[in-house]
């Protein structure tokens, strides 16, 4: 076991790390510590297998470089880190500038979009106003047309109504006039027929009476009826007498006959009887 360690294991480990260290700087070697350790485990394990020994693991302890080298490396690393920092800051500044530029462009684009939207909205509002005005105009035109048609129909209806009423009134007046004319004609004919019939009846009655009574008797009868109907006073208040006392052939008979004829020829003014004035040639007794 001692020979294995001194003659195989130690040379193998030293040789591996010397060869591995030649290709890497201290900082890189420190940075790739885990990878170096895994690679050493595989290499050393493969060598030990040739001696029927199983290598469980290979571990790297603390790496302690010289202080001067560490300072140089540290300064260089710091410089590199600062460079990286500056580069990162520059990239950040560029990124910020790009961001600000893009932000400004985005803001400008936002304003442009807003302006475009405003223009589009204004155009749509204008179109809507034009369409609304057009619709209102069409509505007013249609309403005016409808009102005109309605008024025309109303006027036509009123005119037709007036014409029909006038026609009905004319026909009514015509029928009334025809009815009145017919009534007058019928009434006149009836009255004429009644008068004619009455006249015929009177004539027939007179004829029969004349035939029955004789002409003189009928005449005396009608004279007496007329005296009675007209209430003619035939007896005067003053009586004139003759000398021989004969009343039938004396002056009294003549005067009475004369007075009777005068009274029959007069028009009776009132129902009351009037006194007959004495004849001018008569003297009071």
Protein backbone atom coordinates (compact mmCIF):
# COMPACT_ATOMS: atom_id res chain seq x y z
CA UNK A 1 0.00 0.00 0.00
CA UNK A 2 2.85 2.37 0.81
CA UNK A 3 4.52 1.63 -2.48
CA UNK A 4 1.18 2.18 -4.26
CA UNK A 5 0.88 5.54 -2.63
CA UNK A 6 4.43 6.72 -3.12
CA UNK A 7 5.15 5.17 -6.47
CA UNK A 8 1.74 5.33 -8.21
CA UNK A 9 -0.78 7.61 -6.54
CA UNK A 10 1.41 10.64 -5.71
CA UNK A 11 3.17 10.78 -9.12
CA UNK A 12 -0.17 10.36 -10.89
CA UNK A 13 -1.78 13.17 -8.91
CA UNK A 14 1.17 15.53 -9.24
CA UNK A 15 1.59 14.85 -12.91
CA UNK A 16 -2.12 15.45 -13.60
CA UNK A 17 -2.31 18.77 -11.78
CA UNK A 18 0.95 20.03 -13.29
CA UNK A 19 -0.28 19.22 -16.78
CA UNK A 20 -3.71 20.68 -16.03
CA UNK A 21 -2.22 23.86 -14.54
CA UNK A 22 -0.17 24.56 -17.64
CA UNK A 23 -3.28 25.23 -19.73
CA UNK A 24 -5.03 27.57 -17.29
CA UNK A 25 -4.31 30.70 -15.32
CA UNK A 26 -4.73 30.86 -11.58
CA UNK A 27 -7.99 32.73 -11.69
CA UNK A 28 -9.36 30.41 -14.36
CA UNK A 29 -8.11 27.42 -12.39
CA UNK A 30 -9.80 28.72 -9.27
CA UNK A 31 -12.95 29.41 -11.23
CA UNK A 32 -12.97 25.87 -12.72
CA UNK A 33 -12.23 24.13 -9.42
CA UNK A 34 -15.19 21.73 -9.61
CA UNK A 35 -14.52 20.79 -13.24
CA UNK A 36 -10.81 20.18 -12.41
CA UNK A 37 -11.77 18.01 -9.47
CA UNK A 38 -14.18 15.87 -11.51
CA UNK A 39 -11.57 15.48 -14.29
CA UNK A 40 -8.87 14.46 -11.72
CA UNK A 41 -11.25 11.89 -10.22
CA UNK A 42 -11.76 10.23 -13.58
CA UNK A 43 -8.07 10.31 -14.51
CA UNK A 44 -6.80 8.99 -11.19
CA UNK A 45 -9.52 6.37 -10.96
CA UNK A 46 -8.58 5.05 -14.38
CA UNK A 47 -4.93 4.72 -13.36
CA UNK A 48 -5.77 2.96 -10.10
CA UNK A 49 -7.96 0.43 -11.89
CA UNK A 50 -4.81 -0.95 -13.50
CA UNK A 51 -3.71 -1.97 -10.03
CA UNK A 52 -7.06 -3.36 -9.06
CA UNK A 53 -7.69 -0.39 -6.80
CA UNK A 54 -10.95 1.52 -6.82
CA UNK A 55 -10.58 5.24 -6.49
CA UNK A 56 -13.52 6.54 -4.50
CA UNK A 57 -12.99 10.30 -5.11
CA UNK A 58 -10.37 12.96 -5.74
CA UNK A 59 -10.62 16.18 -3.73
CA UNK A 60 -8.80 19.49 -4.23
CA UNK A 61 -7.90 21.34 -1.06
CA UNK A 62 -7.33 25.07 -0.59
CA UNK A 63 -5.41 26.72 -3.41
CA UNK A 64 -3.09 29.40 -1.99
CA UNK A 65 -1.21 31.32 -4.76
CA UNK A 66 1.59 33.84 -3.89
CA UNK A 67 0.44 37.13 -2.47
CA UNK A 68 2.03 39.23 -5.20
CA UNK A 69 0.48 37.09 -7.84
CA UNK A 70 -2.83 37.24 -6.10
CA UNK A 71 -2.62 41.04 -5.92
CA UNK A 72 -1.80 41.26 -9.62
CA UNK A 73 -4.47 38.81 -10.44
CA UNK A 74 -6.85 40.58 -8.12
CA UNK A 75 -6.10 43.98 -9.68
CA UNK A 76 -6.49 42.55 -13.14
CA UNK A 77 -9.63 40.84 -12.11
CA UNK A 78 -10.90 44.08 -10.63
CA UNK A 79 -9.97 45.91 -13.81
CA UNK A 80 -11.74 43.30 -15.84
CA UNK A 81 -14.68 43.46 -13.55
CA UNK A 82 -14.66 47.24 -13.79
CA UNK A 83 -14.41 46.93 -17.55
CA UNK A 84 -17.26 44.53 -17.48
CA UNK A 85 -19.02 46.93 -15.15
CA UNK A 86 -18.31 49.87 -17.44
CA UNK A 87 -19.33 47.84 -20.43
CA UNK A 88 -22.42 46.79 -18.60
CA UNK A 89 -23.08 50.38 -17.55
CA UNK A 90 -22.45 51.56 -21.11
CA UNK A 91 -24.74 48.90 -22.40
CA UNK A 92 -27.20 49.95 -19.73
CA UNK A 93 -26.82 53.58 -20.84
CA UNK A 94 -27.24 52.57 -24.45
CA UNK A 95 -30.12 50.42 -23.45
CA UNK A 96 -31.54 53.33 -21.44
CA UNK A 97 -31.01 55.68 -24.37
CA UNK A 98 -32.62 53.20 -26.68
CA UNK A 99 -35.37 52.77 -24.11
CA UNK A 100 -35.81 56.53 -23.78
CA UNK A 101 -35.72 56.88 -27.55
CA UNK A 102 -38.20 54.12 -27.94
CA UNK A 103 -40.23 55.62 -25.11
CA UNK A 104 -40.15 59.02 -26.81
CA UNK A 105 -41.02 57.40 -30.12
CA UNK A 106 -43.74 55.47 -28.36
CA UNK A 107 -45.04 58.69 -26.80
CA UNK A 108 -44.83 60.46 -30.15
CA UNK A 109 -46.43 57.47 -31.75
CA UNK A 110 -49.05 57.58 -29.03
CA UNK A 111 -49.71 61.23 -29.79
CA UNK A 112 -49.74 60.44 -33.50
CA UNK A 113 -52.14 57.60 -32.90
CA UNK A 114 -54.19 59.87 -30.66
CA UNK A 115 -54.17 62.57 -33.33
CA UNK A 116 -55.08 60.01 -35.98
CA UNK A 117 -57.83 58.72 -33.73
CA UNK A 118 -58.97 62.31 -33.18
CA UNK A 119 -59.00 62.92 -36.93
CA UNK A 120 -60.83 59.64 -37.48
CA UNK A 121 -63.29 60.46 -34.71
CA UNK A 122 -63.78 63.96 -36.11
CA UNK A 123 -64.34 62.51 -39.57
CA UNK A 124 -66.81 60.01 -38.18
CA UNK A 125 -68.55 62.75 -36.18
CA UNK A 126 -68.68 64.90 -39.30
CA UNK A 127 -70.01 61.96 -41.32
CA UNK A 128 -72.54 61.27 -38.58
CA UNK A 129 -73.55 64.95 -38.57
CA UNK A 130 -73.89 64.94 -42.35
CA UNK A 131 -75.88 61.71 -42.24
CA UNK A 132 -78.03 63.09 -39.41
CA UNK A 133 -78.60 66.33 -41.32
CA UNK A 134 -79.39 64.33 -44.45
CA UNK A 135 -81.74 62.12 -42.46
CA UNK A 136 -83.40 65.14 -40.87
CA UNK A 137 -83.77 66.77 -44.28
CA UNK A 138 -85.21 63.58 -45.73
CA UNK A 139 -87.49 63.28 -42.72
CA UNK A 140 -88.68 66.87 -43.12
CA UNK A 141 -89.14 66.34 -46.86
CA UNK A 142 -91.07 63.12 -46.31
CA UNK A 143 -93.14 64.76 -43.57
CA UNK A 144 -93.84 67.77 -45.79
CA UNK A 145 -94.78 65.46 -48.66
CA UNK A 146 -97.02 63.46 -46.32
CA UNK A 147 -98.62 66.66 -44.98
CA UNK A 148 -99.13 67.96 -48.50
CA UNK A 149 -100.66 64.66 -49.58
CA UNK A 150 -102.82 64.60 -46.45
CA UNK A 151 -103.97 68.19 -47.05
CA UNK A 152 -104.57 67.38 -50.69
CA UNK A 153 -106.60 64.33 -49.73
CA UNK A 154 -108.46 66.37 -47.10
CA UNK A 155 -109.14 69.14 -49.63
CA UNK A 156 -110.22 66.57 -52.20
CA UNK A 157 -112.40 64.89 -49.60
CA UNK A 158 -113.91 68.19 -48.51
CA UNK A 159 -114.51 69.18 -52.12
CA UNK A 160 -116.07 65.80 -52.85
CA UNK A 161 -118.10 66.06 -49.64
CA UNK A 162 -119.25 69.59 -50.59
CA UNK A 163 -120.05 68.44 -54.12
CA UNK A 164 -122.02 65.45 -52.82
CA UNK A 165 -123.81 67.60 -50.24
CA UNK A 166 -124.61 70.21 -52.90
CA UNK A 167 -125.78 67.47 -55.23
CA UNK A 168 -127.87 65.94 -52.43
CA UNK A 169 -129.32 69.37 -51.56
CA UNK A 170 -130.05 70.04 -55.21
CA UNK A 171 -131.69 66.66 -55.59
CA UNK A 172 -133.56 67.26 -52.32
CA UNK A 173 -134.75 70.68 -53.51
CA UNK A 174 -135.63 69.19 -56.89
CA UNK A 175 -137.62 66.38 -55.26
CA UNK A 176 -139.26 68.85 -52.85
CA UNK A 177 -140.12 71.13 -55.76
CA UNK A 178 -141.47 68.16 -57.72
CA UNK A 179 -143.43 67.03 -54.64
CA UNK A 180 -144.77 70.56 -54.11
CA UNK A 181 -145.63 70.84 -57.77
CA UNK A 182 -147.24 67.41 -57.65
CA UNK A 183 -149.06 68.42 -54.46
CA UNK A 184 -150.22 71.69 -56.00
CA UNK A 185 -151.21 69.88 -59.17
CA UNK A 186 -153.06 67.18 -57.27
CA UNK A 187 -154.61 69.73 -54.88
CA UNK A 188 -155.58 72.02 -57.74
CA UNK A 189 -157.04 69.15 -59.69
CA UNK A 190 -158.86 67.94 -56.57
CA UNK A 191 -160.15 71.45 -55.82
CA UNK A 192 -161.10 71.98 -59.43
CA UNK A 193 -162.82 68.63 -59.50
CA UNK A 194 -164.52 69.49 -56.16
CA UNK A 195 -165.62 72.89 -57.48
CA UNK A 196 -166.73 71.31 -60.72
CA UNK A 197 -168.59 68.60 -58.85
CA UNK A 198 -170.10 71.15 -56.49
CA UNK A 199 -171.10 73.36 -59.40
CA UNK A 200 -172.57 70.37 -61.22
CA UNK A 201 -174.38 69.35 -58.04
CA UNK A 202 -175.74 72.91 -57.51
CA UNK A 203 -176.72 73.16 -61.15
CA UNK A 204 -178.40 69.79 -60.99
CA UNK A 205 -180.14 70.79 -57.74
CA UNK A 206 -181.26 74.10 -59.25
CA UNK A 207 -182.48 72.30 -62.36
CA UNK A 208 -184.43 69.79 -60.33
CA UNK A 209 -185.84 72.53 -58.10
CA UNK A 210 -186.92 74.58 -61.12
CA UNK A 211 -188.50 71.56 -62.67
CA UNK A 212 -190.28 70.76 -59.41
CA UNK A 213 -191.34 74.30 -58.36
CA UNK A 214 -191.49 76.23 -61.57
CA UNK A 215 -189.30 79.10 -62.65
CA UNK A 216 -191.24 81.92 -60.92
CA UNK A 217 -191.69 80.12 -57.65
CA UNK A 218 -188.03 79.10 -57.53
CA UNK A 219 -186.99 82.68 -58.23
CA UNK A 220 -189.24 84.01 -55.44
CA UNK A 221 -187.84 81.29 -53.12
CA UNK A 222 -184.24 82.26 -53.81
CA UNK A 223 -185.14 85.95 -53.35
CA UNK A 224 -186.67 85.21 -49.97
CA UNK A 225 -183.67 83.04 -48.95
CA UNK A 226 -181.32 85.85 -49.92
CA UNK A 227 -183.38 88.34 -47.90
CA UNK A 228 -183.32 86.00 -44.92
CA UNK A 229 -179.58 85.22 -45.19
CA UNK A 230 -178.66 88.93 -45.54
CA UNK A 231 -181.21 90.02 -42.93
CA UNK A 232 -182.62 92.68 -45.20
CA UNK A 233 -185.28 94.84 -43.55
CA UNK A 234 -188.15 95.04 -46.01
CA UNK A 235 -190.81 96.72 -43.80
CA UNK A 236 -190.12 100.50 -43.63
CA UNK A 237 -190.75 102.51 -40.51
CA UNK A 238 -193.02 104.83 -42.56
CA UNK A 239 -195.83 103.19 -44.50
CA UNK A 240 -197.34 104.92 -47.56
CA UNK A 241 -200.99 104.06 -48.24
CA UNK A 242 -203.39 104.60 -51.21
CA UNK A 243 -206.80 106.25 -51.31
CA UNK A 244 -209.12 103.30 -52.04
CA UNK A 245 -207.67 100.97 -49.35
CA UNK A 246 -206.52 98.21 -51.79
CA UNK A 247 -203.07 97.07 -50.59
CA UNK A 248 -202.34 94.72 -53.40
CA UNK A 249 -202.54 97.15 -56.26
CA UNK A 250 -201.84 100.44 -54.53
CA UNK A 251 -198.71 102.55 -54.20
CA UNK A 252 -197.52 100.51 -51.26
CA UNK A 253 -197.03 97.44 -53.39
CA UNK A 254 -195.05 99.46 -55.92
CA UNK A 255 -192.86 101.02 -53.26
CA UNK A 256 -192.28 97.71 -51.56
CA UNK A 257 -191.26 96.14 -54.84
CA UNK A 258 -188.93 99.02 -55.60
CA UNK A 259 -187.42 98.93 -52.12
CA UNK A 260 -186.95 95.20 -52.32
CA UNK A 261 -185.07 95.49 -55.59
CA UNK A 262 -182.89 98.28 -54.22
CA UNK A 263 -182.01 96.29 -51.11
CA UNK A 264 -181.22 93.17 -53.10
CA UNK A 265 -178.81 95.17 -55.29
CA UNK A 266 -176.89 96.61 -52.31
CA UNK A 267 -173.89 95.00 -50.65
CA UNK A 268 -174.43 93.97 -47.07
CA UNK A 269 -171.64 95.59 -45.02
CA UNK A 270 -172.43 94.15 -41.55
CA UNK A 271 -174.63 91.43 -40.17
CA UNK A 272 -176.81 94.09 -38.48
CA UNK A 273 -179.85 95.27 -40.37
CA UNK A 274 -179.88 98.86 -41.58
CA UNK A 275 -182.88 101.11 -41.94
CA UNK A 276 -183.90 101.78 -45.47
CA UNK A 277 -184.08 105.52 -46.20
CA UNK A 278 -187.41 106.69 -47.48
CA UNK A 279 -187.72 107.24 -51.23
CA UNK A 280 -187.14 110.82 -52.30
CA UNK A 281 -190.65 111.10 -53.75
CA UNK A 282 -192.43 109.66 -50.71
CA UNK A 283 -194.10 111.83 -48.10
CA UNK A 284 -194.62 110.99 -44.45
CA UNK A 285 -198.11 110.27 -43.35
